[in-house]
Amino acid sequence: MKKMILVIIILAVGIALGVYFQKQPKAQKIETQVQADAEQAGADVKEGMQKVDAAAIEVKEGAQKAGDVVTNVVGQVKADAQKVGEIKQKMN
C-alpha cells in the first residue's frame, strides 16, 4: 500500500512538472512578443518624432519666406509711395 501511495505521489509530481514546463515556453514566447512589440512601438514613435521635426522645420521655413515676402511688399509700397509723392511735387 505504501508503494502504491508513493507511486501516485511520484506520478502527480511528474504530471505537475510536465504541465509547468509545458507552459514555460508559451510564457517565454509571449514575453518575447511583448518585447518585440515594445521595440517596434519605440521605433514608430522615433519615426513619428522625426516627421514632426521635419514638419516643424518646413513651417519655420515657410514663415521665414512669408516674412520675406511681406518685407518685399512693404518695401515696394514705400517705393511706390515715394514715386507718387515725387509725381505730386512735379505736378505742383
C-alpha atoms as a PDB file:
ATOM      1  CA  MET A   1       0.000   0.000   0.000  1.00  0.00           C
ATOM      2  CA  LYS A   2       2.847   2.370   0.830  1.00  0.00           C
ATOM      3  CA  LYS A   3       4.404   1.644  -2.562  1.00  0.00           C
ATOM      4  CA  MET A   4       1.123   2.459  -4.274  1.00  0.00           C
ATOM      5  CA  ILE A   5       0.845   5.825  -2.486  1.00  0.00           C
ATOM      6  CA  LEU A   6       4.488   6.586  -3.301  1.00  0.00           C
ATOM      7  CA  VAL A   7       3.881   5.762  -6.988  1.00  0.00           C
ATOM      8  CA  ILE A   8       0.775   8.008  -7.047  1.00  0.00           C
ATOM      9  CA  ILE A   9       2.715  10.876  -5.419  1.00  0.00           C
ATOM     10  CA  ILE A  10       5.582  10.479  -7.903  1.00  0.00           C
ATOM     11  CA  LEU A  11       3.114  10.412 -10.813  1.00  0.00           C
ATOM     12  CA  ALA A  12       1.348  13.528  -9.500  1.00  0.00           C
ATOM     13  CA  VAL A  13       4.655  15.362  -9.126  1.00  0.00           C
ATOM     14  CA  GLY A  14       5.693  14.240 -12.611  1.00  0.00           C
ATOM     15  CA  ILE A  15       2.422  15.451 -14.139  1.00  0.00           C
ATOM     16  CA  ALA A  16       2.693  18.769 -12.290  1.00  0.00           C
ATOM     17  CA  LEU A  17       6.257  19.265 -13.519  1.00  0.00           C
ATOM     18  CA  GLY A  18       5.228  18.323 -17.060  1.00  0.00           C
ATOM     19  CA  VAL A  19       2.414  20.867 -17.063  1.00  0.00           C
ATOM     20  CA  TYR A  20       4.709  23.516 -15.560  1.00  0.00           C
ATOM     21  CA  PHE A  21       7.462  23.003 -18.136  1.00  0.00           C
ATOM     22  CA  GLN A  22       4.961  22.815 -20.966  1.00  0.00           C
ATOM     23  CA  LYS A  23       3.616  26.274 -20.072  1.00  0.00           C
ATOM     24  CA  GLN A  24       7.076  27.861 -19.733  1.00  0.00           C
ATOM     25  CA  PRO A  25       7.789  28.163 -23.490  1.00  0.00           C
ATOM     26  CA  LYS A  26       4.398  29.817 -24.008  1.00  0.00           C
ATOM     27  CA  ALA A  27       5.140  32.400 -21.327  1.00  0.00           C
ATOM     28  CA  GLN A  28       8.580  32.991 -22.790  1.00  0.00           C
ATOM     29  CA  LYS A  29       7.082  33.310 -26.280  1.00  0.00           C
ATOM     30  CA  ILE A  30       4.580  35.872 -25.008  1.00  0.00           C
ATOM     31  CA  GLU A  31       7.363  37.794 -23.264  1.00  0.00           C
ATOM     32  CA  THR A  32       9.442  37.777 -26.459  1.00  0.00           C
ATOM     33  CA  GLN A  33       6.449  39.008 -28.477  1.00  0.00           C
ATOM     34  CA  VAL A  34       5.737  41.789 -25.978  1.00  0.00           C
ATOM     35  CA  GLN A  35       9.381  42.862 -26.106  1.00  0.00           C
ATOM     36  CA  ALA A  36       9.338  42.880 -29.927  1.00  0.00           C
ATOM     37  CA  ASP A  37       6.113  44.892 -29.930  1.00  0.00           C
ATOM     38  CA  ALA A  38       7.606  47.399 -27.488  1.00  0.00           C
ATOM     39  CA  GLU A  39      10.693  47.801 -29.661  1.00  0.00           C
ATOM     40  CA  GLN A  40       8.503  48.342 -32.729  1.00  0.00           C
ATOM     41  CA  ALA A  41       6.412  50.903 -30.862  1.00  0.00           C
ATOM     42  CA  GLY A  42       9.603  52.721 -29.850  1.00  0.00           C
ATOM     43  CA  ALA A  43      10.792  52.752 -33.463  1.00  0.00           C
ATOM     44  CA  ASP A  44       7.391  54.041 -34.611  1.00  0.00           C
ATOM     45  CA  VAL A  45       7.486  56.838 -32.022  1.00  0.00           C
ATOM     46  CA  LYS A  46      11.008  57.801 -33.092  1.00  0.00           C
ATOM     47  CA  GLU A  47       9.932  57.870 -36.749  1.00  0.00           C
ATOM     48  CA  GLY A  48       6.894  59.958 -35.847  1.00  0.00           C
ATOM     49  CA  MET A  49       9.046  62.451 -33.947  1.00  0.00           C
ATOM     50  CA  GLN A  50      11.363  62.763 -36.949  1.00  0.00           C
ATOM     51  CA  LYS A  51       8.353  63.531 -39.143  1.00  0.00           C
ATOM     52  CA  VAL A  52       7.121  66.118 -36.633  1.00  0.00           C
ATOM     53  CA  ASP A  53      10.575  67.722 -36.548  1.00  0.00           C
ATOM     54  CA  ALA A  54      10.680  67.824 -40.357  1.00  0.00           C
ATOM     55  CA  ALA A  55       7.218  69.404 -40.470  1.00  0.00           C
ATOM     56  CA  ALA A  56       8.271  71.994 -37.883  1.00  0.00           C
ATOM     57  CA  ILE A  57      11.300  72.899 -39.997  1.00  0.00           C
ATOM     58  CA  GLU A  58       9.069  73.280 -43.052  1.00  0.00           C
ATOM     59  CA  VAL A  59       6.691  75.514 -41.107  1.00  0.00           C
ATOM     60  CA  LYS A  60       9.597  77.627 -39.877  1.00  0.00           C
ATOM     61  CA  GLU A  61      10.972  77.951 -43.420  1.00  0.00           C
ATOM     62  CA  GLY A  62       7.512  78.832 -44.718  1.00  0.00           C
ATOM     63  CA  ALA A  63       7.109  81.503 -42.051  1.00  0.00           C
ATOM     64  CA  GLN A  64      10.534  82.923 -42.958  1.00  0.00           C
ATOM     65  CA  LYS A  65       9.558  83.026 -46.648  1.00  0.00           C
ATOM     66  CA  ALA A  66       6.251  84.708 -45.778  1.00  0.00           C
ATOM     67  CA  GLY A  67       8.148  87.275 -43.725  1.00  0.00           C
ATOM     68  CA  ASP A  68      10.483  87.911 -46.660  1.00  0.00           C
ATOM     69  CA  VAL A  69       7.514  88.388 -48.988  1.00  0.00           C
ATOM     70  CA  VAL A  70       5.910  90.845 -46.562  1.00  0.00           C
ATOM     71  CA  THR A  71       9.183  92.754 -46.281  1.00  0.00           C
ATOM     72  CA  ASN A  72       9.441  92.925 -50.077  1.00  0.00           C
ATOM     73  CA  VAL A  73       5.834  94.084 -50.412  1.00  0.00           C
ATOM     74  CA  VAL A  74       6.304  96.757 -47.748  1.00  0.00           C
ATOM     75  CA  GLY A  75       9.471  97.932 -49.485  1.00  0.00           C
ATOM     76  CA  GLN A  76       7.680  98.094 -52.836  1.00  0.00           C
ATOM     77  CA  VAL A  77       4.750 100.009 -51.318  1.00  0.00           C
ATOM     78  CA  LYS A  78       7.164 102.521 -49.765  1.00  0.00           C
ATOM     79  CA  ALA A  79       8.965 102.928 -53.085  1.00  0.00           C
ATOM     80  CA  ASP A  80       5.676 103.402 -54.910  1.00  0.00           C
ATOM     81  CA  ALA A  81       4.507 105.918 -52.310  1.00  0.00           C
ATOM     82  CA  GLN A  82       7.739 107.849 -52.732  1.00  0.00           C
ATOM     83  CA  LYS A  83       7.272 107.891 -56.529  1.00  0.00           C
ATOM     84  CA  VAL A  84       3.710 109.123 -56.100  1.00  0.00           C
ATOM     85  CA  GLY A  85       4.998 111.861 -53.794  1.00  0.00           C
ATOM     86  CA  GLU A  86       7.618 112.893 -56.362  1.00  0.00           C
ATOM     87  CA  ILE A  87       4.992 112.986 -59.121  1.00  0.00           C
ATOM     88  CA  LYS A  88       2.737 115.163 -56.936  1.00  0.00           C
ATOM     89  CA  GLN A  89       5.603 117.569 -56.335  1.00  0.00           C
ATOM     90  CA  LYS A  90       6.335 117.796 -60.072  1.00  0.00           C
ATOM     91  CA  MET A  91       2.676 118.494 -60.772  1.00  0.00           C
ATOM     92  CA  ASN A  92       2.528 121.364 -58.295  1.00  0.00           C
END
